[in-house]
Amino acid sequence: MSVLKVIELLASSTVSWEDAAHKAIAKASKSVKNIRSVYIKDQSAAVVEGKISEYRATLKVTFELE
């Protein structure tokens, strides 16, 4: 029987929402093992002088407990 846990991560990037998600998973995988899936819950951006300065993503990450 598998037991899965879901955690929520927040990440940001100056490049894109996709890059923010990649960074979040790369960082989480250093301490969280058995990551199975990721769900992009929300996306937002910071705006400075009429231009996007930072992309932000909220992710739900599912992993299997050992």
N, C-alpha and C. Protein backbone atom coordinates (compact mmCIF):
# COMPACT_ATOMS: atom_id res chain seq x y z
N MET A 1 0.84 -1.18 0.00
CA MET A 1 0.00 0.00 0.00
C MET A 1 0.88 1.24 0.00
N SER A 2 0.56 2.20 -0.83
CA SER A 2 1.29 3.46 -0.91
C SER A 2 0.56 4.53 -0.12
N VAL A 3 1.35 5.38 0.53
CA VAL A 3 0.81 6.55 1.21
C VAL A 3 1.48 7.76 0.59
N LEU A 4 0.66 8.69 0.12
CA LEU A 4 1.17 9.88 -0.55
C LEU A 4 0.91 11.10 0.31
N LYS A 5 1.79 12.08 0.19
CA LYS A 5 1.63 13.34 0.91
C LYS A 5 1.72 14.48 -0.09
N VAL A 6 0.99 15.56 0.17
CA VAL A 6 1.00 16.73 -0.71
C VAL A 6 1.51 17.92 0.10
N ILE A 7 2.47 18.63 -0.47
CA ILE A 7 2.97 19.86 0.13
C ILE A 7 2.79 21.00 -0.87
N GLU A 8 2.77 22.20 -0.37
CA GLU A 8 2.62 23.36 -1.24
C GLU A 8 3.93 24.15 -1.24
N LEU A 9 4.38 24.51 -2.43
CA LEU A 9 5.62 25.27 -2.59
C LEU A 9 5.34 26.57 -3.32
N LEU A 10 6.10 27.59 -2.98
CA LEU A 10 6.04 28.87 -3.67
C LEU A 10 7.42 29.10 -4.28
N ALA A 11 7.45 29.53 -5.52
CA ALA A 11 8.72 29.77 -6.20
C ALA A 11 8.61 30.98 -7.10
N SER A 12 9.77 31.57 -7.41
CA SER A 12 9.76 32.73 -8.30
C SER A 12 10.93 32.66 -9.26
N SER A 13 10.80 33.41 -10.35
CA SER A 13 11.83 33.47 -11.38
C SER A 13 11.71 34.79 -12.12
N THR A 14 12.81 35.28 -12.60
CA THR A 14 12.77 36.48 -13.43
C THR A 14 12.58 36.11 -14.91
N VAL A 15 12.57 34.80 -15.21
CA VAL A 15 12.49 34.32 -16.60
C VAL A 15 11.06 33.97 -17.01
N SER A 16 10.41 33.05 -16.25
CA SER A 16 9.07 32.59 -16.63
C SER A 16 8.44 31.79 -15.49
N TRP A 17 7.12 31.52 -15.62
CA TRP A 17 6.44 30.66 -14.65
C TRP A 17 6.99 29.24 -14.74
N GLU A 18 7.27 28.78 -15.94
CA GLU A 18 7.83 27.44 -16.11
C GLU A 18 9.17 27.32 -15.40
N ASP A 19 10.01 28.34 -15.52
CA ASP A 19 11.30 28.33 -14.84
C ASP A 19 11.12 28.31 -13.32
N ALA A 20 10.14 29.05 -12.82
CA ALA A 20 9.85 29.03 -11.38
C ALA A 20 9.47 27.63 -10.93
N ALA A 21 8.65 26.93 -11.71
CA ALA A 21 8.25 25.56 -11.37
C ALA A 21 9.46 24.61 -11.40
N HIS A 22 10.30 24.74 -12.41
CA HIS A 22 11.51 23.91 -12.50
C HIS A 22 12.41 24.13 -11.28
N LYS A 23 12.58 25.39 -10.89
CA LYS A 23 13.42 25.71 -9.73
C LYS A 23 12.84 25.11 -8.45
N ALA A 24 11.53 25.18 -8.29
CA ALA A 24 10.88 24.63 -7.09
C ALA A 24 11.10 23.13 -6.98
N ILE A 25 10.91 22.43 -8.08
CA ILE A 25 11.08 20.97 -8.06
C ILE A 25 12.54 20.59 -7.85
N ALA A 26 13.45 21.30 -8.50
CA ALA A 26 14.88 21.02 -8.33
C ALA A 26 15.30 21.20 -6.86
N LYS A 27 14.84 22.26 -6.24
CA LYS A 27 15.18 22.53 -4.85
C LYS A 27 14.52 21.51 -3.92
N ALA A 28 13.24 21.22 -4.13
CA ALA A 28 12.52 20.27 -3.27
C ALA A 28 13.10 18.88 -3.37
N SER A 29 13.53 18.47 -4.55
CA SER A 29 14.04 17.10 -4.74
C SER A 29 15.35 16.86 -4.00
N LYS A 30 16.00 17.91 -3.51
CA LYS A 30 17.21 17.73 -2.71
C LYS A 30 16.90 17.18 -1.32
N SER A 31 15.69 17.46 -0.82
CA SER A 31 15.34 16.97 0.51
C SER A 31 14.08 16.10 0.54
N VAL A 32 13.25 16.20 -0.48
CA VAL A 32 12.03 15.38 -0.56
C VAL A 32 12.24 14.28 -1.58
N LYS A 33 12.12 13.05 -1.15
CA LYS A 33 12.33 11.90 -2.04
C LYS A 33 10.99 11.40 -2.59
N ASN A 34 11.07 10.68 -3.67
CA ASN A 34 9.90 10.01 -4.27
C ASN A 34 8.82 10.98 -4.75
N ILE A 35 9.22 12.12 -5.33
CA ILE A 35 8.24 13.06 -5.88
C ILE A 35 7.56 12.38 -7.07
N ARG A 36 6.24 12.39 -7.08
CA ARG A 36 5.46 11.70 -8.11
C ARG A 36 4.80 12.66 -9.10
N SER A 37 4.35 13.84 -8.63
CA SER A 37 3.66 14.75 -9.54
C SER A 37 3.68 16.16 -8.98
N VAL A 38 3.37 17.09 -9.86
CA VAL A 38 3.27 18.50 -9.46
C VAL A 38 2.05 19.10 -10.15
N TYR A 39 1.32 19.92 -9.40
CA TYR A 39 0.14 20.60 -9.91
C TYR A 39 0.38 22.10 -9.74
N ILE A 40 0.29 22.86 -10.81
CA ILE A 40 0.46 24.30 -10.74
C ILE A 40 -0.87 24.89 -10.26
N LYS A 41 -0.89 25.30 -9.02
CA LYS A 41 -2.13 25.79 -8.40
C LYS A 41 -2.44 27.23 -8.80
N ASP A 42 -1.38 28.05 -8.87
CA ASP A 42 -1.61 29.47 -9.11
C ASP A 42 -0.38 30.09 -9.74
N GLN A 43 -0.61 31.14 -10.51
CA GLN A 43 0.48 31.90 -11.12
C GLN A 43 0.19 33.38 -10.90
N SER A 44 1.24 34.13 -10.62
CA SER A 44 1.10 35.58 -10.49
C SER A 44 2.41 36.22 -10.91
N ALA A 45 2.42 37.53 -10.95
CA ALA A 45 3.64 38.23 -11.35
C ALA A 45 3.73 39.57 -10.63
N ALA A 46 4.96 39.99 -10.38
CA ALA A 46 5.21 41.32 -9.84
C ALA A 46 5.47 42.25 -11.03
N VAL A 47 4.96 43.46 -10.94
CA VAL A 47 5.12 44.42 -12.03
C VAL A 47 5.83 45.67 -11.51
N VAL A 48 6.84 46.09 -12.24
CA VAL A 48 7.58 47.30 -11.92
C VAL A 48 7.65 48.16 -13.17
N GLU A 49 7.20 49.39 -13.06
CA GLU A 49 7.21 50.34 -14.16
C GLU A 49 6.57 49.78 -15.44
N GLY A 50 5.45 49.10 -15.26
CA GLY A 50 4.69 48.59 -16.39
C GLY A 50 5.22 47.33 -17.03
N LYS A 51 6.22 46.69 -16.41
CA LYS A 51 6.78 45.45 -16.96
C LYS A 51 6.87 44.39 -15.88
N ILE A 52 6.71 43.14 -16.29
CA ILE A 52 6.82 42.04 -15.34
C ILE A 52 8.27 41.92 -14.89
N SER A 53 8.45 41.96 -13.57
CA SER A 53 9.80 41.86 -13.02
C SER A 53 10.06 40.50 -12.38
N GLU A 54 9.00 39.79 -12.03
CA GLU A 54 9.17 38.48 -11.38
C GLU A 54 7.92 37.63 -11.61
N TYR A 55 8.14 36.40 -12.01
CA TYR A 55 7.06 35.43 -12.20
C TYR A 55 6.99 34.57 -10.94
N ARG A 56 5.77 34.36 -10.43
CA ARG A 56 5.59 33.58 -9.20
C ARG A 56 4.63 32.42 -9.46
N ALA A 57 4.97 31.27 -8.90
CA ALA A 57 4.13 30.08 -9.07
C ALA A 57 3.91 29.41 -7.72
N THR A 58 2.69 28.94 -7.51
CA THR A 58 2.35 28.14 -6.34
C THR A 58 2.10 26.72 -6.84
N LEU A 59 2.82 25.76 -6.28
CA LEU A 59 2.74 24.37 -6.74
C LEU A 59 2.30 23.45 -5.62
N LYS A 60 1.56 22.42 -5.98
CA LYS A 60 1.25 21.34 -5.06
C LYS A 60 2.06 20.13 -5.53
N VAL A 61 2.90 19.63 -4.65
CA VAL A 61 3.81 18.54 -4.99
C VAL A 61 3.39 17.29 -4.22
N THR A 62 3.22 16.21 -4.95
CA THR A 62 2.83 14.92 -4.34
C THR A 62 4.03 14.00 -4.32
N PHE A 63 4.26 13.39 -3.15
CA PHE A 63 5.36 12.43 -3.06
C PHE A 63 4.92 11.23 -2.19
N GLU A 64 5.61 10.12 -2.41
CA GLU A 64 5.28 8.88 -1.70
C GLU A 64 6.11 8.79 -0.44
N LEU A 65 5.45 8.49 0.68
CA LEU A 65 6.17 8.31 1.93
C LEU A 65 6.83 6.94 1.96
N GLU A 66 7.99 6.88 2.55
CA GLU A 66 8.71 5.59 2.64
C GLU A 66 8.21 4.78 3.81
